Amino acid sequence: MGLSLKPVSDAIGVEALDIDLNRPIAAADAQALRNALAKHLLLIIRDQSFSPEQFVKAASVFGEPVRQHQSTLLMSGCEDIAVLDSRRAPILPSGKVNTVGSVIWHTDHTNDPQPPSVTCLYGVEMPKNGGGDTGFANMQKAFEKLPKDRQDALMAFKTVNTFRNRRDCITDDDLAKLERESVHPLIRTHPITGKKSIYVHWNQMDRLEEQEPEPSRKFIRELLDNTIVPDIIYRHKWCKGDFLLVDNAGAMHKGMRDYQHTETRILHRVILKGGVPYQ
């Protein structure tokens, strides 16, 4: 195939050109794609045409799919896929859609002892009048930009994570399976590149270890407000058939509230098995 990559921003991400993942892919090319994802934290492959089964197969080039938390989002007959459909989402007072994951910058499923390594997103239907963008933030650059003494201070913190804080978007049965707490370092080392990043999901973090919830959340909110700045962000404008993979160990993402509730936006999501985060 021969891999051709094009940067999509100075902040994060590359696009792999002229690839059809419904066709067989050589082992060397598959490894090159995985390496590109680890290095650039966001990989974009456009113009794909997947059935649900083909989407799972394409995602499997990058790792092992694992089950997601919210059973109400899982696709009937293909439960490796979560369907992120704006028609199911609550409407804000402004008339815009409160899409799944739109409230804050986050990395997925930090309440798990082994959070997913990669989140795979496939564009199925986009708002006809535009919008529905997703932002991606390079949290390795966010950490690198901090003064050395601030970096050293942050290395001391661990987060205690749980899904209990998200009762509004999960069934009681699902929540009962997710009552556990998982402790992760606030500063995480990437398992492939060795780079360090700020690693947290503000909505799933209950508290910093050995601290109370309220001051913990204030501390993290201020940290993210001061480090997630425009020059580490890429904002993706979706097209139908876009296949995006984001590295959860080094990046955060956020769905933008930029379209009206009368518009339909549908993404399919697969998450891939990860390891235990370490510093």
C-alpha atoms as a PDB file:
ATOM      1  CA  MET A   1       0.000   0.000   0.000  1.00  0.00           C
ATOM      2  CA  GLY A   2       2.758   2.476   0.936  1.00  0.00           C
ATOM      3  CA  LEU A   3       1.787   4.796   3.765  1.00  0.00           C
ATOM      4  CA  SER A   4       1.402   8.527   3.119  1.00  0.00           C
ATOM      5  CA  LEU A   5       0.756  10.809   6.109  1.00  0.00           C
ATOM      6  CA  LYS A   6      -0.306  14.467   6.159  1.00  0.00           C
ATOM      7  CA  PRO A   7      -0.326  16.580   9.338  1.00  0.00           C
ATOM      8  CA  VAL A   8      -3.725  18.108  10.096  1.00  0.00           C
ATOM      9  CA  SER A   9      -2.392  20.718  12.542  1.00  0.00           C
ATOM     10  CA  ASP A  10       0.726  21.749  14.422  1.00  0.00           C
ATOM     11  CA  ALA A  11      -0.949  20.604  17.626  1.00  0.00           C
ATOM     12  CA  ILE A  12      -1.965  16.999  17.084  1.00  0.00           C
ATOM     13  CA  GLY A  13      -2.922  14.487  14.438  1.00  0.00           C
ATOM     14  CA  VAL A  14      -2.124  13.165  10.979  1.00  0.00           C
ATOM     15  CA  GLU A  15      -4.269  11.984   8.099  1.00  0.00           C
ATOM     16  CA  ALA A  16      -3.374   8.697   6.400  1.00  0.00           C
ATOM     17  CA  LEU A  17      -4.080   9.117   2.686  1.00  0.00           C
ATOM     18  CA  ASP A  18      -5.553   6.753   0.098  1.00  0.00           C
ATOM     19  CA  ILE A  19      -6.432   3.873   2.413  1.00  0.00           C
ATOM     20  CA  ASP A  20      -9.426   1.554   2.182  1.00  0.00           C
ATOM     21  CA  LEU A  21      -9.599  -0.505   5.357  1.00  0.00           C
ATOM     22  CA  ASN A  22     -12.158  -2.832   3.790  1.00  0.00           C
ATOM     23  CA  ARG A  23      -9.282  -4.213   1.718  1.00  0.00           C
ATOM     24  CA  PRO A  24      -6.512  -6.449   3.082  1.00  0.00           C
ATOM     25  CA  ILE A  25      -3.697  -4.508   4.719  1.00  0.00           C
ATOM     26  CA  ALA A  26      -0.089  -5.679   4.874  1.00  0.00           C
ATOM     27  CA  ALA A  27       1.353  -6.301   8.319  1.00  0.00           C
ATOM     28  CA  ALA A  28       4.032  -3.648   7.787  1.00  0.00           C
ATOM     29  CA  ASP A  29       1.441  -1.042   6.808  1.00  0.00           C
ATOM     30  CA  ALA A  30      -0.762  -1.920   9.781  1.00  0.00           C
ATOM     31  CA  GLN A  31       2.224  -1.460  12.087  1.00  0.00           C
ATOM     32  CA  ALA A  32       3.047   1.861  10.420  1.00  0.00           C
ATOM     33  CA  LEU A  33      -0.505   3.060  11.102  1.00  0.00           C
ATOM     34  CA  ARG A  34      -0.243   2.024  14.761  1.00  0.00           C
ATOM     35  CA  ASN A  35       3.103   3.803  15.050  1.00  0.00           C
ATOM     36  CA  ALA A  36       1.622   6.954  13.511  1.00  0.00           C
ATOM     37  CA  LEU A  37      -1.214   6.907  16.028  1.00  0.00           C
ATOM     38  CA  ALA A  38       1.172   6.515  18.971  1.00  0.00           C
ATOM     39  CA  LYS A  39       3.401   9.325  17.715  1.00  0.00           C
ATOM     40  CA  HIS A  40       0.738  11.834  16.639  1.00  0.00           C
ATOM     41  CA  LEU A  41      -2.070  10.789  19.073  1.00  0.00           C
ATOM     42  CA  LEU A  42      -4.795  11.266  16.451  1.00  0.00           C
ATOM     43  CA  LEU A  43      -5.104   9.359  13.185  1.00  0.00           C
ATOM     44  CA  ILE A  44      -7.650  10.300  10.514  1.00  0.00           C
ATOM     45  CA  ILE A  45      -8.611   7.991   7.658  1.00  0.00           C
ATOM     46  CA  ARG A  46     -11.247   9.495   5.382  1.00  0.00           C
ATOM     47  CA  ASP A  47     -13.726   8.125   2.860  1.00  0.00           C
ATOM     48  CA  GLN A  48     -14.394   4.795   4.531  1.00  0.00           C
ATOM     49  CA  SER A  49     -17.630   2.860   4.026  1.00  0.00           C
ATOM     50  CA  PHE A  50     -18.192   0.431   6.888  1.00  0.00           C
ATOM     51  CA  SER A  51     -20.955  -1.898   7.885  1.00  0.00           C
ATOM     52  CA  PRO A  52     -20.950  -2.376  11.675  1.00  0.00           C
ATOM     53  CA  GLU A  53     -18.942  -5.570  11.283  1.00  0.00           C
ATOM     54  CA  GLN A  54     -16.459  -3.864   8.956  1.00  0.00           C
ATOM     55  CA  PHE A  55     -16.012  -1.016  11.435  1.00  0.00           C
ATOM     56  CA  VAL A  56     -15.145  -3.450  14.220  1.00  0.00           C
ATOM     57  CA  LYS A  57     -12.729  -5.256  11.894  1.00  0.00           C
ATOM     58  CA  ALA A  58     -11.036  -1.981  10.911  1.00  0.00           C
ATOM     59  CA  ALA A  59     -10.738  -0.935  14.553  1.00  0.00           C
ATOM     60  CA  SER A  60      -9.210  -4.332  15.333  1.00  0.00           C
ATOM     61  CA  VAL A  61      -6.182  -3.415  13.203  1.00  0.00           C
ATOM     62  CA  PHE A  62      -5.243  -1.172  16.143  1.00  0.00           C
ATOM     63  CA  GLY A  63      -6.136  -3.416  19.079  1.00  0.00           C
ATOM     64  CA  GLU A  64      -8.754  -5.579  20.750  1.00  0.00           C
ATOM     65  CA  PRO A  65     -12.294  -4.147  21.020  1.00  0.00           C
ATOM     66  CA  VAL A  66     -13.803  -4.221  24.517  1.00  0.00           C
ATOM     67  CA  ARG A  67     -17.317  -3.687  25.830  1.00  0.00           C
ATOM     68  CA  GLN A  68     -18.406  -0.149  26.706  1.00  0.00           C
ATOM     69  CA  HIS A  69     -20.192   0.981  29.868  1.00  0.00           C
ATOM     70  CA  GLN A  70     -23.548   2.371  28.797  1.00  0.00           C
ATOM     71  CA  SER A  71     -25.732  -0.519  27.670  1.00  0.00           C
ATOM     72  CA  THR A  72     -28.349   1.879  26.290  1.00  0.00           C
ATOM     73  CA  LEU A  73     -25.827   3.037  23.664  1.00  0.00           C
ATOM     74  CA  LEU A  74     -24.787  -0.411  22.450  1.00  0.00           C
ATOM     75  CA  MET A  75     -25.799  -1.434  18.948  1.00  0.00           C
ATOM     76  CA  SER A  76     -28.246  -4.321  18.804  1.00  0.00           C
ATOM     77  CA  GLY A  77     -26.514  -7.285  17.198  1.00  0.00           C
ATOM     78  CA  CYS A  78     -23.051  -5.702  17.394  1.00  0.00           C
ATOM     79  CA  GLU A  79     -22.366  -4.763  21.001  1.00  0.00           C
ATOM     80  CA  ASP A  80     -18.742  -3.779  20.407  1.00  0.00           C
ATOM     81  CA  ILE A  81     -20.206  -0.554  18.960  1.00  0.00           C
ATOM     82  CA  ALA A  82     -21.746   2.325  20.894  1.00  0.00           C
ATOM     83  CA  VAL A  83     -24.099   4.516  18.856  1.00  0.00           C
ATOM     84  CA  LEU A  84     -23.656   8.215  19.677  1.00  0.00           C
ATOM     85  CA  ASP A  85     -26.882   9.658  18.292  1.00  0.00           C
ATOM     86  CA  SER A  86     -27.835  13.291  18.887  1.00  0.00           C
ATOM     87  CA  ARG A  87     -31.522  12.359  18.724  1.00  0.00           C
ATOM     88  CA  ARG A  88     -31.089  10.601  22.079  1.00  0.00           C
ATOM     89  CA  ALA A  89     -29.330  13.536  23.741  1.00  0.00           C
ATOM     90  CA  PRO A  90     -30.899  16.179  26.024  1.00  0.00           C
ATOM     91  CA  ILE A  91     -31.431  19.684  24.656  1.00  0.00           C
ATOM     92  CA  LEU A  92     -29.803  22.710  26.270  1.00  0.00           C
ATOM     93  CA  PRO A  93     -31.782  25.917  26.967  1.00  0.00           C
ATOM     94  CA  SER A  94     -30.054  27.458  23.933  1.00  0.00           C
ATOM     95  CA  GLY A  95     -31.682  24.836  21.710  1.00  0.00           C
ATOM     96  CA  LYS A  96     -28.343  23.175  21.019  1.00  0.00           C
ATOM     97  CA  VAL A  97     -27.565  19.527  21.656  1.00  0.00           C
ATOM     98  CA  ASN A  98     -25.837  18.316  24.825  1.00  0.00           C
ATOM     99  CA  THR A  99     -24.012  15.549  22.971  1.00  0.00           C
ATOM    100  CA  VAL A 100     -22.344  12.601  24.679  1.00  0.00           C
ATOM    101  CA  GLY A 101     -18.954  13.747  25.923  1.00  0.00           C
ATOM    102  CA  SER A 102     -19.573  17.415  25.135  1.00  0.00           C
ATOM    103  CA  VAL A 103     -19.451  18.903  28.624  1.00  0.00           C
ATOM    104  CA  ILE A 104     -15.712  18.760  29.243  1.00  0.00           C
ATOM    105  CA  TRP A 105     -12.411  17.703  27.747  1.00  0.00           C
ATOM    106  CA  HIS A 106     -11.864  14.073  28.678  1.00  0.00           C
ATOM    107  CA  THR A 107     -10.152  10.792  27.991  1.00  0.00           C
ATOM    108  CA  ASP A 108     -12.429   7.760  27.949  1.00  0.00           C
ATOM    109  CA  HIS A 109     -13.400   5.340  30.744  1.00  0.00           C
ATOM    110  CA  THR A 110     -10.881   6.408  33.379  1.00  0.00           C
ATOM    111  CA  ASN A 111     -13.049   4.633  35.958  1.00  0.00           C
ATOM    112  CA  ASP A 112     -11.685   1.347  34.594  1.00  0.00           C
ATOM    113  CA  PRO A 113      -8.560  -0.202  36.163  1.00  0.00           C
ATOM    114  CA  GLN A 114      -7.349  -0.674  32.572  1.00  0.00           C
ATOM    115  CA  PRO A 115      -8.853   2.197  30.557  1.00  0.00           C
ATOM    116  CA  PRO A 116      -9.089   1.858  26.768  1.00  0.00           C
ATOM    117  CA  SER A 117      -5.914   2.533  24.845  1.00  0.00           C
ATOM    118  CA  VAL A 118      -7.711   3.968  21.814  1.00  0.00           C
ATOM    119  CA  THR A 119     -11.141   5.376  21.019  1.00  0.00           C
ATOM    120  CA  CYS A 120     -12.270   4.735  17.431  1.00  0.00           C
ATOM    121  CA  LEU A 121     -14.961   6.973  15.919  1.00  0.00           C
ATOM    122  CA  TYR A 122     -16.757   6.557  12.588  1.00  0.00           C
ATOM    123  CA  GLY A 123     -18.867   9.283  11.000  1.00  0.00           C
ATOM    124  CA  VAL A 124     -22.278   7.898   9.975  1.00  0.00           C
ATOM    125  CA  GLU A 125     -24.442  11.024   9.634  1.00  0.00           C
ATOM    126  CA  MET A 126     -23.535  14.677  10.049  1.00  0.00           C
ATOM    127  CA  PRO A 127     -25.730  17.769  10.579  1.00  0.00           C
ATOM    128  CA  LYS A 128     -26.858  19.000   7.166  1.00  0.00           C
ATOM    129  CA  ASN A 129     -26.258  22.643   8.089  1.00  0.00           C
ATOM    130  CA  GLY A 130     -22.785  22.057   9.485  1.00  0.00           C
ATOM    131  CA  GLY A 131     -21.420  21.668  12.982  1.00  0.00           C
ATOM    132  CA  GLY A 132     -20.954  18.553  15.051  1.00  0.00           C
ATOM    133  CA  ASP A 133     -17.199  19.101  15.322  1.00  0.00           C
ATOM    134  CA  THR A 134     -14.935  17.242  17.751  1.00  0.00           C
ATOM    135  CA  GLY A 135     -11.943  18.871  19.399  1.00  0.00           C
ATOM    136  CA  PHE A 136      -8.733  16.984  20.205  1.00  0.00           C
ATOM    137  CA  ALA A 137      -6.126  18.249  22.691  1.00  0.00           C
ATOM    138  CA  ASN A 138      -2.503  17.105  22.885  1.00  0.00           C
ATOM    139  CA  MET A 139      -2.018  16.563  26.612  1.00  0.00           C
ATOM    140  CA  GLN A 140       1.644  15.656  26.142  1.00  0.00           C
ATOM    141  CA  LYS A 141       2.248  19.171  24.850  1.00  0.00           C
ATOM    142  CA  ALA A 142       0.119  20.524  27.684  1.00  0.00           C
ATOM    143  CA  PHE A 143       2.495  18.880  30.168  1.00  0.00           C
ATOM    144  CA  GLU A 144       5.663  19.806  28.263  1.00  0.00           C
ATOM    145  CA  LYS A 145       4.725  23.504  28.290  1.00  0.00           C
ATOM    146  CA  LEU A 146       4.634  23.624  32.099  1.00  0.00           C
ATOM    147  CA  PRO A 147       7.644  24.841  34.110  1.00  0.00           C
ATOM    148  CA  LYS A 148       9.819  22.034  35.451  1.00  0.00           C
ATOM    149  CA  ASP A 149       8.895  22.699  39.077  1.00  0.00           C
ATOM    150  CA  ARG A 150       5.192  22.537  38.183  1.00  0.00           C
ATOM    151  CA  GLN A 151       5.737  19.261  36.319  1.00  0.00           C
ATOM    152  CA  ASP A 152       7.514  17.806  39.334  1.00  0.00           C
ATOM    153  CA  ALA A 153       4.728  18.903  41.681  1.00  0.00           C
ATOM    154  CA  LEU A 154       2.015  17.327  39.530  1.00  0.00           C
ATOM    155  CA  MET A 155       3.856  14.007  39.518  1.00  0.00           C
ATOM    156  CA  ALA A 156       2.863  13.544  43.160  1.00  0.00           C
ATOM    157  CA  PHE A 157      -0.885  13.390  42.468  1.00  0.00           C
ATOM    158  CA  LYS A 158      -3.146  10.429  41.808  1.00  0.00           C
ATOM    159  CA  THR A 159      -6.822  10.554  40.861  1.00  0.00           C
ATOM    160  CA  VAL A 160      -9.591   8.362  42.276  1.00  0.00           C
ATOM    161  CA  ASN A 161     -12.089   7.635  39.512  1.00  0.00           C
ATOM    162  CA  THR A 162     -15.631   6.253  39.479  1.00  0.00           C
ATOM    163  CA  PHE A 163     -18.724   6.283  37.270  1.00  0.00           C
ATOM    164  CA  ARG A 164     -20.885   7.268  40.263  1.00  0.00           C
ATOM    165  CA  ASN A 165     -20.572  10.915  39.292  1.00  0.00           C
ATOM    166  CA  ARG A 166     -22.374  10.209  36.009  1.00  0.00           C
ATOM    167  CA  ARG A 167     -25.631   8.733  37.302  1.00  0.00           C
ATOM    168  CA  ASP A 168     -27.564  10.942  34.907  1.00  0.00           C
ATOM    169  CA  CYS A 169     -26.328   9.074  31.829  1.00  0.00           C
ATOM    170  CA  ILE A 170     -26.312   5.428  32.925  1.00  0.00           C
ATOM    171  CA  THR A 171     -28.857   2.841  34.037  1.00  0.00           C
ATOM    172  CA  ASP A 172     -28.969   1.564  37.612  1.00  0.00           C
ATOM    173  CA  ASP A 173     -27.999  -1.912  36.398  1.00  0.00           C
ATOM    174  CA  ASP A 174     -24.939  -0.558  34.595  1.00  0.00           C
ATOM    175  CA  LEU A 175     -23.982   1.576  37.582  1.00  0.00           C
ATOM    176  CA  ALA A 176     -24.149  -1.433  39.901  1.00  0.00           C
ATOM    177  CA  LYS A 177     -21.424  -3.068  37.791  1.00  0.00           C
ATOM    178  CA  LEU A 178     -19.260   0.050  37.937  1.00  0.00           C
ATOM    179  CA  GLU A 179     -19.263   0.928  41.646  1.00  0.00           C
ATOM    180  CA  ARG A 180     -15.540   0.247  41.963  1.00  0.00           C
ATOM    181  CA  GLU A 181     -12.963   3.022  42.235  1.00  0.00           C
ATOM    182  CA  SER A 182      -9.832   3.087  40.090  1.00  0.00           C
ATOM    183  CA  VAL A 183      -6.711   5.036  41.032  1.00  0.00           C
ATOM    184  CA  HIS A 184      -4.492   6.459  38.279  1.00  0.00           C
ATOM    185  CA  PRO A 185      -1.516   8.827  38.155  1.00  0.00           C
ATOM    186  CA  LEU A 186      -2.434  12.366  37.153  1.00  0.00           C
ATOM    187  CA  ILE A 187       0.685  12.393  34.992  1.00  0.00           C
ATOM    188  CA  ARG A 188       0.799   9.301  32.816  1.00  0.00           C
ATOM    189  CA  THR A 189       3.636   7.836  30.733  1.00  0.00           C
ATOM    190  CA  HIS A 190       2.745   6.679  27.235  1.00  0.00           C
ATOM    191  CA  PRO A 191       3.385   2.917  26.996  1.00  0.00           C
ATOM    192  CA  ILE A 192       4.930   3.165  23.508  1.00  0.00           C
ATOM    193  CA  THR A 193       6.636   6.554  23.206  1.00  0.00           C
ATOM    194  CA  GLY A 194       7.478   7.141  26.875  1.00  0.00           C
ATOM    195  CA  LYS A 195       6.144  10.715  26.751  1.00  0.00           C
ATOM    196  CA  LYS A 196       4.278  12.071  29.760  1.00  0.00           C
ATOM    197  CA  SER A 197       0.847  13.677  29.643  1.00  0.00           C
ATOM    198  CA  ILE A 198      -1.860  15.095  31.898  1.00  0.00           C
ATOM    199  CA  TYR A 199      -4.346  12.234  32.284  1.00  0.00           C
ATOM    200  CA  VAL A 200      -7.769  12.809  33.817  1.00  0.00           C
ATOM    201  CA  HIS A 201     -11.524  12.736  33.174  1.00  0.00           C
ATOM    202  CA  TRP A 202     -12.989  15.554  35.259  1.00  0.00           C
ATOM    203  CA  ASN A 203     -16.489  14.025  35.343  1.00  0.00           C
ATOM    204  CA  GLN A 204     -15.233  10.580  36.388  1.00  0.00           C
ATOM    205  CA  MET A 205     -12.687  11.811  38.917  1.00  0.00           C
ATOM    206  CA  ASP A 206     -14.205  11.699  42.389  1.00  0.00           C
ATOM    207  CA  ARG A 207     -11.193  13.216  44.113  1.00  0.00           C
ATOM    208  CA  LEU A 208      -7.436  13.347  44.304  1.00  0.00           C
ATOM    209  CA  GLU A 209      -6.051  10.551  46.453  1.00  0.00           C
ATOM    210  CA  GLU A 210      -5.998  11.512  50.161  1.00  0.00           C
ATOM    211  CA  GLN A 211      -7.928  14.736  49.452  1.00  0.00           C
ATOM    212  CA  GLU A 212     -11.559  15.827  49.589  1.00  0.00           C
ATOM    213  CA  PRO A 213     -13.699  15.914  46.411  1.00  0.00           C
ATOM    214  CA  GLU A 214     -14.513  19.641  46.250  1.00  0.00           C
ATOM    215  CA  PRO A 215     -10.956  21.048  46.445  1.00  0.00           C
ATOM    216  CA  SER A 216      -9.748  18.195  44.236  1.00  0.00           C
ATOM    217  CA  ARG A 217     -12.165  19.085  41.467  1.00  0.00           C
ATOM    218  CA  LYS A 218     -11.363  22.792  41.761  1.00  0.00           C
ATOM    219  CA  PHE A 219      -7.655  21.978  41.436  1.00  0.00           C
ATOM    220  CA  ILE A 220      -8.183  19.854  38.311  1.00  0.00           C
ATOM    221  CA  ARG A 221     -10.581  22.343  36.731  1.00  0.00           C
ATOM    222  CA  GLU A 222      -8.007  25.122  37.110  1.00  0.00           C
ATOM    223  CA  LEU A 223      -5.242  22.861  35.797  1.00  0.00           C
ATOM    224  CA  LEU A 224      -7.190  22.028  32.639  1.00  0.00           C
ATOM    225  CA  ASP A 225      -8.349  25.611  32.115  1.00  0.00           C
ATOM    226  CA  ASN A 226      -4.728  26.770  32.212  1.00  0.00           C
ATOM    227  CA  THR A 227      -3.210  24.020  30.063  1.00  0.00           C
ATOM    228  CA  ILE A 228      -5.791  23.241  27.356  1.00  0.00           C
ATOM    229  CA  VAL A 229      -5.069  26.261  25.188  1.00  0.00           C
ATOM    230  CA  PRO A 230      -5.617  26.850  21.438  1.00  0.00           C
ATOM    231  CA  ASP A 231      -2.128  25.872  20.299  1.00  0.00           C
ATOM    232  CA  ILE A 232      -2.530  22.282  21.553  1.00  0.00           C
ATOM    233  CA  ILE A 233      -6.008  21.797  19.997  1.00  0.00           C
ATOM    234  CA  TYR A 234      -7.209  20.512  16.624  1.00  0.00           C
ATOM    235  CA  ARG A 235     -10.901  20.881  15.786  1.00  0.00           C
ATOM    236  CA  HIS A 236     -12.155  18.242  13.363  1.00  0.00           C
ATOM    237  CA  LYS A 237     -15.004  19.043  10.987  1.00  0.00           C
ATOM    238  CA  TRP A 238     -16.648  15.719  10.309  1.00  0.00           C
ATOM    239  CA  CYS A 239     -17.566  14.262   6.944  1.00  0.00           C
ATOM    240  CA  LYS A 240     -19.533  11.089   6.467  1.00  0.00           C
ATOM    241  CA  GLY A 241     -17.101   8.182   6.250  1.00  0.00           C
ATOM    242  CA  ASP A 242     -14.393   9.725   8.431  1.00  0.00           C
ATOM    243  CA  PHE A 243     -12.632   7.157  10.642  1.00  0.00           C
ATOM    244  CA  LEU A 244     -10.785   8.746  13.563  1.00  0.00           C
ATOM    245  CA  LEU A 245      -8.637   7.094  16.212  1.00  0.00           C
ATOM    246  CA  VAL A 246      -7.534   8.972  19.322  1.00  0.00           C
ATOM    247  CA  ASP A 247      -4.833   7.757  21.704  1.00  0.00           C
ATOM    248  CA  ASN A 248      -6.303   7.987  25.197  1.00  0.00           C
ATOM    249  CA  ALA A 249      -2.917   7.894  26.939  1.00  0.00           C
ATOM    250  CA  GLY A 250      -1.812  11.171  25.381  1.00  0.00           C
ATOM    251  CA  ALA A 251      -4.861  13.092  24.178  1.00  0.00           C
ATOM    252  CA  MET A 252      -8.250  14.348  25.281  1.00  0.00           C
ATOM    253  CA  HIS A 253     -11.301  15.003  23.136  1.00  0.00           C
ATOM    254  CA  LYS A 254     -14.537  16.937  23.325  1.00  0.00           C
ATOM    255  CA  GLY A 255     -17.708  17.050  21.229  1.00  0.00           C
ATOM    256  CA  MET A 256     -18.677  20.632  20.414  1.00  0.00           C
ATOM    257  CA  ARG A 257     -22.130  22.069  21.104  1.00  0.00           C
ATOM    258  CA  ASP A 258     -22.319  23.745  17.725  1.00  0.00           C
ATOM    259  CA  TYR A 259     -25.497  22.490  16.045  1.00  0.00           C
ATOM    260  CA  GLN A 260     -29.236  22.633  16.628  1.00  0.00           C
ATOM    261  CA  HIS A 261     -31.327  19.812  18.067  1.00  0.00           C
ATOM    262  CA  THR A 262     -33.284  19.569  14.804  1.00  0.00           C
ATOM    263  CA  GLU A 263     -30.100  18.312  13.131  1.00  0.00           C
ATOM    264  CA  THR A 264     -28.959  14.687  13.300  1.00  0.00           C
ATOM    265  CA  ARG A 265     -25.395  13.670  14.159  1.00  0.00           C
ATOM    266  CA  ILE A 266     -24.502   9.987  14.464  1.00  0.00           C
ATOM    267  CA  LEU A 267     -21.103   8.536  15.272  1.00  0.00           C
ATOM    268  CA  HIS A 268     -20.249   4.911  15.935  1.00  0.00           C
ATOM    269  CA  ARG A 269     -17.651   4.255  18.625  1.00  0.00           C
ATOM    270  CA  VAL A 270     -15.406   1.290  19.410  1.00  0.00           C
ATOM    271  CA  ILE A 271     -12.897   1.305  22.268  1.00  0.00           C
ATOM    272  CA  LEU A 272      -9.767  -0.849  22.395  1.00  0.00           C
ATOM    273  CA  LYS A 273      -8.264  -2.728  25.317  1.00  0.00           C
ATOM    274  CA  GLY A 274      -5.640  -0.836  27.298  1.00  0.00           C
ATOM    275  CA  GLY A 275      -3.204  -1.466  30.106  1.00  0.00           C
ATOM    276  CA  VAL A 276      -2.845  -0.138  33.639  1.00  0.00           C
ATOM    277  CA  PRO A 277      -1.740   3.534  33.536  1.00  0.00           C
ATOM    278  CA  TYR A 278       1.641   4.206  35.130  1.00  0.00           C
ATOM    279  CA  GLN A 279       3.847   7.190  35.744  1.00  0.00           C
END
